[in-house]
């Protein structure tokens, strides 16, 4: 169990350092299914199975959060979002959406 906890912590930290939250969701689901399967195979009771699932989720998600904090604090700065502050950018944005709007109006 200790090695599994270390593996989950390493996986969560690695995901936090490199990925966005959408990469965490499938991993969380797989961990849930894996811990439920493990608990059923071990013949655990409902309380023990619930605790195994909850602790596994706490480990991976808290380490993911720690990885996010480390990446935000010590990582490279993020790219700024596109701003539509000048007229040329706003006109280009309007040109992209105009054909779809005309189709509904006509």
Protein backbone atom coordinates (compact mmCIF):
# COMPACT_ATOMS: atom_id res chain seq x y z
CA UNK A 1 0.00 0.00 0.00
CA UNK A 2 2.88 2.35 0.72
CA UNK A 3 4.32 1.90 -2.76
CA UNK A 4 0.92 2.56 -4.29
CA UNK A 5 0.64 5.78 -2.31
CA UNK A 6 4.09 6.89 -3.49
CA UNK A 7 3.17 6.02 -7.09
CA UNK A 8 -0.08 8.02 -6.83
CA UNK A 9 1.77 10.98 -5.31
CA UNK A 10 4.39 10.89 -8.06
CA UNK A 11 1.71 10.63 -10.75
CA UNK A 12 -0.26 13.54 -9.28
CA UNK A 13 2.83 15.72 -8.93
CA UNK A 14 3.92 14.93 -12.48
CA UNK A 15 0.51 15.76 -13.87
CA UNK A 16 0.40 19.00 -11.90
CA UNK A 17 3.79 20.06 -13.24
CA UNK A 18 3.03 19.27 -16.87
CA UNK A 19 -0.70 19.11 -17.60
CA UNK A 20 -3.96 20.92 -17.25
CA UNK A 21 -6.93 19.68 -15.25
CA UNK A 22 -8.44 17.84 -18.22
CA UNK A 23 -5.55 15.38 -18.08
CA UNK A 24 -6.30 14.70 -14.42
CA UNK A 25 -9.93 13.69 -14.95
CA UNK A 26 -9.36 10.37 -16.75
CA UNK A 27 -6.60 9.50 -14.28
CA UNK A 28 -8.93 10.18 -11.35
CA UNK A 29 -11.56 7.92 -12.90
CA UNK A 30 -9.01 5.15 -13.47
CA UNK A 31 -7.75 5.47 -9.89
CA UNK A 32 -11.33 5.24 -8.65
CA UNK A 33 -11.98 2.09 -10.68
CA UNK A 34 -8.65 0.60 -9.64
CA UNK A 35 -9.20 1.21 -5.94
CA UNK A 36 -12.74 -0.16 -6.06
CA UNK A 37 -11.47 -3.27 -7.88
CA UNK A 38 -8.65 -3.66 -5.37
CA UNK A 39 -11.05 -3.36 -2.44
CA UNK A 40 -13.44 -5.94 -3.91
CA UNK A 41 -10.61 -8.39 -4.59
CA UNK A 42 -9.33 -8.00 -1.03
CA UNK A 43 -12.80 -8.64 0.37
CA UNK A 44 -12.86 -5.33 2.21
CA UNK A 45 -15.95 -4.08 3.95
CA UNK A 46 -17.81 -1.01 2.80
CA UNK A 47 -16.12 1.35 5.27
CA UNK A 48 -12.62 0.11 4.48
CA UNK A 49 -13.26 0.24 0.72
CA UNK A 50 -14.58 3.79 1.02
CA UNK A 51 -11.52 4.86 3.00
CA UNK A 52 -9.17 3.33 0.41
CA UNK A 53 -10.94 5.17 -2.42
CA UNK A 54 -11.06 8.48 -0.55
CA UNK A 55 -7.42 8.37 0.54
CA UNK A 56 -6.25 7.48 -2.96
CA UNK A 57 -8.19 10.43 -4.39
CA UNK A 58 -6.85 12.76 -1.69
CA UNK A 59 -3.27 11.73 -2.44
CA UNK A 60 -3.44 12.16 -6.21
CA UNK A 61 -5.44 15.39 -6.18
CA UNK A 62 -3.45 17.09 -3.44
CA UNK A 63 -0.18 16.22 -5.18
CA UNK A 64 -1.66 17.54 -8.44
CA UNK A 65 -2.42 20.80 -6.65
CA UNK A 66 1.11 20.96 -5.24
CA UNK A 67 2.45 20.45 -8.78
CA UNK A 68 0.27 23.30 -10.03
CA UNK A 69 1.54 25.60 -7.30
CA UNK A 70 5.15 24.70 -8.06
CA UNK A 71 4.62 25.18 -11.80
CA UNK A 72 2.92 28.54 -11.27
CA UNK A 73 5.52 29.75 -8.81
CA UNK A 74 8.73 28.57 -10.46
CA UNK A 75 7.72 27.80 -14.04
CA UNK A 76 7.86 30.03 -17.10
CA UNK A 77 5.23 32.77 -17.41
CA UNK A 78 2.07 31.91 -19.29
CA UNK A 79 1.30 33.29 -22.73
CA UNK A 80 -1.07 36.26 -22.50
CA UNK A 81 -4.54 35.74 -23.90
CA UNK A 82 -5.48 37.41 -27.17
CA UNK A 83 -6.86 40.86 -26.53
CA UNK A 84 -9.46 42.42 -28.78
CA UNK A 85 -8.55 45.95 -27.79
CA UNK A 86 -7.78 47.51 -31.15
CA UNK A 87 -10.22 47.96 -34.02
CA UNK A 88 -8.33 45.69 -36.43
CA UNK A 89 -8.56 42.73 -34.07
CA UNK A 90 -12.22 43.40 -33.39
CA UNK A 91 -12.98 43.67 -37.10
CA UNK A 92 -11.16 40.40 -37.82
CA UNK A 93 -13.18 38.73 -35.09
CA UNK A 94 -16.42 40.17 -36.50
CA UNK A 95 -15.52 38.99 -40.03
CA UNK A 96 -15.20 35.43 -38.80
CA UNK A 97 -18.61 35.45 -37.15
CA UNK A 98 -20.48 37.48 -39.78
CA UNK A 99 -21.29 34.68 -42.30
CA UNK A 100 -22.91 32.59 -39.61
CA UNK A 101 -25.01 35.52 -38.47
CA UNK A 102 -26.13 36.39 -42.01
CA UNK A 103 -27.29 32.85 -42.62
CA UNK A 104 -29.69 33.00 -39.66
CA UNK A 105 -30.98 36.48 -40.52
CA UNK A 106 -31.65 35.87 -44.20
